[in-house]
Amino acid sequence: MGEGSMMKQENRSFCNRHVGEPCKAFGRKCSRLVQEQRARFYILRRCVIMLICWHDYGDS
């Protein structure tokens, strides 16, 4: 193994390690935001359904 190929391996592992970390952090942040939005829409949907049902059956 030559010194040049060893240098390329070190650079590749350095790039993969340091470039990949912000991508993973960004992915985690995005998935957390998506999960939060899903929870909000779920709560909103349940409230709307409850209000519609209450309106329909509350007047009887």
PDB file of N, CA and C in Angstrom:
ATOM      1  N   MET A   1       0.855  -1.166   0.000  1.00  0.00           N
ATOM      2  CA  MET A   1       0.000   0.000   0.000  1.00  0.00           C
ATOM      3  C   MET A   1       0.900   1.227   0.000  1.00  0.00           C
ATOM      4  N   GLY A   2       0.657   2.130  -0.934  1.00  0.00           N
ATOM      5  CA  GLY A   2       1.481   3.322  -1.030  1.00  0.00           C
ATOM      6  C   GLY A   2       0.990   4.402  -0.097  1.00  0.00           C
ATOM      7  N   GLU A   3       1.854   5.410   0.041  1.00  0.00           N
ATOM      8  CA  GLU A   3       1.507   6.505   0.943  1.00  0.00           C
ATOM      9  C   GLU A   3       0.321   7.319   0.411  1.00  0.00           C
ATOM     10  N   GLY A   4       0.215   7.421  -0.910  1.00  0.00           N
ATOM     11  CA  GLY A   4      -0.883   8.167  -1.525  1.00  0.00           C
ATOM     12  C   GLY A   4      -2.233   7.524  -1.264  1.00  0.00           C
ATOM     13  N   SER A   5      -2.302   6.181  -1.386  1.00  0.00           N
ATOM     14  CA  SER A   5      -3.580   5.507  -1.152  1.00  0.00           C
ATOM     15  C   SER A   5      -3.970   5.558   0.315  1.00  0.00           C
ATOM     16  N   MET A   6      -2.975   5.523   1.197  1.00  0.00           N
ATOM     17  CA  MET A   6      -3.260   5.621   2.625  1.00  0.00           C
ATOM     18  C   MET A   6      -3.800   7.017   2.951  1.00  0.00           C
ATOM     19  N   MET A   7      -3.238   8.026   2.289  1.00  0.00           N
ATOM     20  CA  MET A   7      -3.687   9.400   2.497  1.00  0.00           C
ATOM     21  C   MET A   7      -5.120   9.552   2.009  1.00  0.00           C
ATOM     22  N   LYS A   8      -5.460   8.926   0.878  1.00  0.00           N
ATOM     23  CA  LYS A   8      -6.829   9.001   0.351  1.00  0.00           C
ATOM     24  C   LYS A   8      -7.812   8.355   1.315  1.00  0.00           C
ATOM     25  N   GLN A   9      -7.435   7.221   1.916  1.00  0.00           N
ATOM     26  CA  GLN A   9      -8.319   6.548   2.872  1.00  0.00           C
ATOM     27  C   GLN A   9      -8.561   7.425   4.089  1.00  0.00           C
ATOM     28  N   GLU A  10      -7.501   8.074   4.581  1.00  0.00           N
ATOM     29  CA  GLU A  10      -7.660   8.940   5.747  1.00  0.00           C
ATOM     30  C   GLU A  10      -8.572  10.118   5.416  1.00  0.00           C
ATOM     31  N   ASN A  11      -8.375  10.716   4.246  1.00  0.00           N
ATOM     32  CA  ASN A  11      -9.230  11.835   3.843  1.00  0.00           C
ATOM     33  C   ASN A  11     -10.672  11.394   3.686  1.00  0.00           C
ATOM     34  N   ARG A  12     -10.889  10.227   3.111  1.00  0.00           N
ATOM     35  CA  ARG A  12     -12.241   9.721   2.907  1.00  0.00           C
ATOM     36  C   ARG A  12     -12.930   9.481   4.246  1.00  0.00           C
ATOM     37  N   SER A  13     -12.236   8.850   5.179  1.00  0.00           N
ATOM     38  CA  SER A  13     -12.854   8.590   6.482  1.00  0.00           C
ATOM     39  C   SER A  13     -13.085   9.892   7.239  1.00  0.00           C
ATOM     40  N   PHE A  14     -12.189  10.854   7.086  1.00  0.00           N
ATOM     41  CA  PHE A  14     -12.358  12.157   7.722  1.00  0.00           C
ATOM     42  C   PHE A  14     -13.601  12.844   7.164  1.00  0.00           C
ATOM     43  N   CYS A  15     -13.738  12.844   5.832  1.00  0.00           N
ATOM     44  CA  CYS A  15     -14.882  13.494   5.198  1.00  0.00           C
ATOM     45  C   CYS A  15     -16.179  12.799   5.580  1.00  0.00           C
ATOM     46  N   ASN A  16     -16.193  11.479   5.533  1.00  0.00           N
ATOM     47  CA  ASN A  16     -17.415  10.745   5.871  1.00  0.00           C
ATOM     48  C   ASN A  16     -17.823  10.998   7.311  1.00  0.00           C
ATOM     49  N   ARG A  17     -16.837  11.052   8.195  1.00  0.00           N
ATOM     50  CA  ARG A  17     -17.147  11.225   9.607  1.00  0.00           C
ATOM     51  C   ARG A  17     -17.667  12.641   9.874  1.00  0.00           C
ATOM     52  N   HIS A  18     -17.023  13.650   9.312  1.00  0.00           N
ATOM     53  CA  HIS A  18     -17.385  15.021   9.645  1.00  0.00           C
ATOM     54  C   HIS A  18     -18.493  15.591   8.764  1.00  0.00           C
ATOM     55  N   VAL A  19     -18.622  15.120   7.559  1.00  0.00           N
ATOM     56  CA  VAL A  19     -19.683  15.604   6.687  1.00  0.00           C
ATOM     57  C   VAL A  19     -20.984  14.885   7.009  1.00  0.00           C
ATOM     58  N   GLY A  20     -20.914  13.634   7.413  1.00  0.00           N
ATOM     59  CA  GLY A  20     -22.111  12.857   7.707  1.00  0.00           C
ATOM     60  C   GLY A  20     -22.824  13.292   8.968  1.00  0.00           C
ATOM     61  N   GLU A  21     -22.090  13.827   9.938  1.00  0.00           N
ATOM     62  CA  GLU A  21     -22.705  14.208  11.210  1.00  0.00           C
ATOM     63  C   GLU A  21     -23.737  15.324  11.064  1.00  0.00           C
ATOM     64  N   PRO A  22     -23.456  16.401  10.327  1.00  0.00           N
ATOM     65  CA  PRO A  22     -24.505  17.418  10.164  1.00  0.00           C
ATOM     66  C   PRO A  22     -25.727  16.870   9.428  1.00  0.00           C
ATOM     67  N   CYS A  23     -25.504  15.950   8.490  1.00  0.00           N
ATOM     68  CA  CYS A  23     -26.638  15.366   7.769  1.00  0.00           C
ATOM     69  C   CYS A  23     -27.512  14.549   8.713  1.00  0.00           C
ATOM     70  N   LYS A  24     -26.879  13.788   9.590  1.00  0.00           N
ATOM     71  CA  LYS A  24     -27.649  12.991  10.558  1.00  0.00           C
ATOM     72  C   LYS A  24     -28.404  13.906  11.510  1.00  0.00           C
ATOM     73  N   ALA A  25     -27.743  14.967  11.962  1.00  0.00           N
ATOM     74  CA  ALA A  25     -28.398  15.905  12.880  1.00  0.00           C
ATOM     75  C   ALA A  25     -29.578  16.581  12.180  1.00  0.00           C
ATOM     76  N   PHE A  26     -29.398  16.938  10.920  1.00  0.00           N
ATOM     77  CA  PHE A  26     -30.475  17.556  10.146  1.00  0.00           C
ATOM     78  C   PHE A  26     -31.628  16.580   9.974  1.00  0.00           C
ATOM     79  N   GLY A  27     -31.310  15.323   9.701  1.00  0.00           N
ATOM     80  CA  GLY A  27     -32.337  14.294   9.546  1.00  0.00           C
ATOM     81  C   GLY A  27     -33.118  14.077  10.824  1.00  0.00           C
ATOM     82  N   ARG A  28     -32.401  14.060  11.950  1.00  0.00           N
ATOM     83  CA  ARG A  28     -33.079  13.897  13.242  1.00  0.00           C
ATOM     84  C   ARG A  28     -33.993  15.082  13.530  1.00  0.00           C
ATOM     85  N   LYS A  29     -33.497  16.279  13.219  1.00  0.00           N
ATOM     86  CA  LYS A  29     -34.292  17.480  13.465  1.00  0.00           C
ATOM     87  C   LYS A  29     -35.544  17.474  12.600  1.00  0.00           C
ATOM     88  N   CYS A  30     -35.388  17.103  11.348  1.00  0.00           N
ATOM     89  CA  CYS A  30     -36.539  17.046  10.433  1.00  0.00           C
ATOM     90  C   CYS A  30     -37.549  16.007  10.894  1.00  0.00           C
ATOM     91  N   SER A  31     -37.078  14.838  11.282  1.00  0.00           N
ATOM     92  CA  SER A  31     -38.012  13.793  11.708  1.00  0.00           C
ATOM     93  C   SER A  31     -38.730  14.197  12.994  1.00  0.00           C
ATOM     94  N   ARG A  32     -38.040  14.904  13.869  1.00  0.00           N
ATOM     95  CA  ARG A  32     -38.683  15.375  15.093  1.00  0.00           C
ATOM     96  C   ARG A  32     -39.762  16.410  14.765  1.00  0.00           C
ATOM     97  N   LEU A  33     -39.467  17.317  13.810  1.00  0.00           N
ATOM     98  CA  LEU A  33     -40.455  18.314  13.413  1.00  0.00           C
ATOM     99  C   LEU A  33     -41.657  17.670  12.736  1.00  0.00           C
ATOM    100  N   VAL A  34     -41.412  16.672  11.912  1.00  0.00           N
ATOM    101  CA  VAL A  34     -42.506  15.960  11.241  1.00  0.00           C
ATOM    102  C   VAL A  34     -43.382  15.279  12.278  1.00  0.00           C
ATOM    103  N   GLN A  35     -42.757  14.639  13.252  1.00  0.00           N
ATOM    104  CA  GLN A  35     -43.510  13.953  14.304  1.00  0.00           C
ATOM    105  C   GLN A  35     -44.349  14.958  15.106  1.00  0.00           C
ATOM    106  N   GLU A  36     -43.760  16.110  15.387  1.00  0.00           N
ATOM    107  CA  GLU A  36     -44.476  17.140  16.133  1.00  0.00           C
ATOM    108  C   GLU A  36     -45.684  17.653  15.339  1.00  0.00           C
ATOM    109  N   GLN A  37     -45.497  17.878  14.039  1.00  0.00           N
ATOM    110  CA  GLN A  37     -46.598  18.349  13.202  1.00  0.00           C
ATOM    111  C   GLN A  37     -47.698  17.299  13.100  1.00  0.00           C
ATOM    112  N   ARG A  38     -47.322  16.033  12.995  1.00  0.00           N
ATOM    113  CA  ARG A  38     -48.326  14.959  12.959  1.00  0.00           C
ATOM    114  C   ARG A  38     -49.153  14.958  14.234  1.00  0.00           C
ATOM    115  N   ALA A  39     -48.483  15.143  15.369  1.00  0.00           N
ATOM    116  CA  ALA A  39     -49.195  15.167  16.649  1.00  0.00           C
ATOM    117  C   ALA A  39     -50.166  16.345  16.695  1.00  0.00           C
ATOM    118  N   ARG A  40     -49.721  17.495  16.207  1.00  0.00           N
ATOM    119  CA  ARG A  40     -50.601  18.665  16.206  1.00  0.00           C
ATOM    120  C   ARG A  40     -51.809  18.455  15.309  1.00  0.00           C
ATOM    121  N   PHE A  41     -51.574  17.909  14.112  1.00  0.00           N
ATOM    122  CA  PHE A  41     -52.698  17.644  13.208  1.00  0.00           C
ATOM    123  C   PHE A  41     -53.642  16.607  13.795  1.00  0.00           C
ATOM    124  N   TYR A  42     -53.109  15.612  14.487  1.00  0.00           N
ATOM    125  CA  TYR A  42     -53.950  14.596  15.113  1.00  0.00           C
ATOM    126  C   TYR A  42     -54.857  15.246  16.156  1.00  0.00           C
ATOM    127  N   ILE A  43     -54.285  16.082  17.004  1.00  0.00           N
ATOM    128  CA  ILE A  43     -55.068  16.752  18.041  1.00  0.00           C
ATOM    129  C   ILE A  43     -56.111  17.671  17.413  1.00  0.00           C
ATOM    130  N   LEU A  44     -55.705  18.425  16.402  1.00  0.00           N
ATOM    131  CA  LEU A  44     -56.632  19.316  15.722  1.00  0.00           C
ATOM    132  C   LEU A  44     -57.775  18.543  15.083  1.00  0.00           C
ATOM    133  N   ARG A  45     -57.447  17.439  14.434  1.00  0.00           N
ATOM    134  CA  ARG A  45     -58.475  16.614  13.791  1.00  0.00           C
ATOM    135  C   ARG A  45     -59.449  16.063  14.819  1.00  0.00           C
ATOM    136  N   ARG A  46     -58.927  15.595  15.946  1.00  0.00           N
ATOM    137  CA  ARG A  46     -59.807  15.063  16.996  1.00  0.00           C
ATOM    138  C   ARG A  46     -60.718  16.148  17.558  1.00  0.00           C
ATOM    139  N   CYS A  47     -60.187  17.349  17.725  1.00  0.00           N
ATOM    140  CA  CYS A  47     -61.005  18.458  18.238  1.00  0.00           C
ATOM    141  C   CYS A  47     -62.108  18.820  17.256  1.00  0.00           C
ATOM    142  N   VAL A  48     -61.776  18.878  15.980  1.00  0.00           N
ATOM    143  CA  VAL A  48     -62.783  19.209  14.968  1.00  0.00           C
ATOM    144  C   VAL A  48     -63.867  18.141  14.941  1.00  0.00           C
ATOM    145  N   ILE A  49     -63.488  16.883  14.974  1.00  0.00           N
ATOM    146  CA  ILE A  49     -64.473  15.789  14.967  1.00  0.00           C
ATOM    147  C   ILE A  49     -65.352  15.868  16.206  1.00  0.00           C
ATOM    148  N   MET A  50     -64.742  16.156  17.350  1.00  0.00           N
ATOM    149  CA  MET A  50     -65.512  16.260  18.588  1.00  0.00           C
ATOM    150  C   MET A  50     -66.510  17.412  18.509  1.00  0.00           C
ATOM    151  N   LEU A  51     -66.086  18.555  17.961  1.00  0.00           N
ATOM    152  CA  LEU A  51     -66.991  19.694  17.838  1.00  0.00           C
ATOM    153  C   LEU A  51     -68.123  19.414  16.861  1.00  0.00           C
ATOM    154  N   ILE A  52     -67.813  18.739  15.772  1.00  0.00           N
ATOM    155  CA  ILE A  52     -68.864  18.390  14.797  1.00  0.00           C
ATOM    156  C   ILE A  52     -69.873  17.439  15.430  1.00  0.00           C
ATOM    157  N   CYS A  53     -69.380  16.426  16.131  1.00  0.00           N
ATOM    158  CA  CYS A  53     -70.296  15.476  16.771  1.00  0.00           C
ATOM    159  C   CYS A  53     -71.114  16.142  17.869  1.00  0.00           C
ATOM    160  N   TRP A  54     -70.480  17.024  18.635  1.00  0.00           N
ATOM    161  CA  TRP A  54     -71.173  17.719  19.703  1.00  0.00           C
ATOM    162  C   TRP A  54     -72.254  18.618  19.125  1.00  0.00           C
ATOM    163  N   HIS A  55     -71.959  19.260  18.020  1.00  0.00           N
ATOM    164  CA  HIS A  55     -72.938  20.135  17.365  1.00  0.00           C
ATOM    165  C   HIS A  55     -74.115  19.331  16.811  1.00  0.00           C
ATOM    166  N   ASP A  56     -73.806  18.191  16.207  1.00  0.00           N
ATOM    167  CA  ASP A  56     -74.855  17.351  15.619  1.00  0.00           C
ATOM    168  C   ASP A  56     -75.770  16.748  16.676  1.00  0.00           C
ATOM    169  N   TYR A  57     -75.217  16.261  17.779  1.00  0.00           N
ATOM    170  CA  TYR A  57     -76.001  15.535  18.778  1.00  0.00           C
ATOM    171  C   TYR A  57     -76.365  16.387  19.985  1.00  0.00           C
ATOM    172  N   GLY A  58     -75.789  17.576  20.096  1.00  0.00           N
ATOM    173  CA  GLY A  58     -76.056  18.424  21.248  1.00  0.00           C
ATOM    174  C   GLY A  58     -77.415  19.092  21.193  1.00  0.00           C
ATOM    175  N   ASP A  59     -77.951  19.281  20.017  1.00  0.00           N
ATOM    176  CA  ASP A  59     -79.234  19.975  19.864  1.00  0.00           C
ATOM    177  C   ASP A  59     -80.442  19.067  20.056  1.00  0.00           C
ATOM    178  N   SER A  60     -80.239  17.765  20.118  1.00  0.00           N
ATOM    179  CA  SER A  60     -81.361  16.809  20.203  1.00  0.00           C
ATOM    180  C   SER A  60     -82.107  16.928  21.505  1.00  0.00           C
TER     181      SER A  60
END
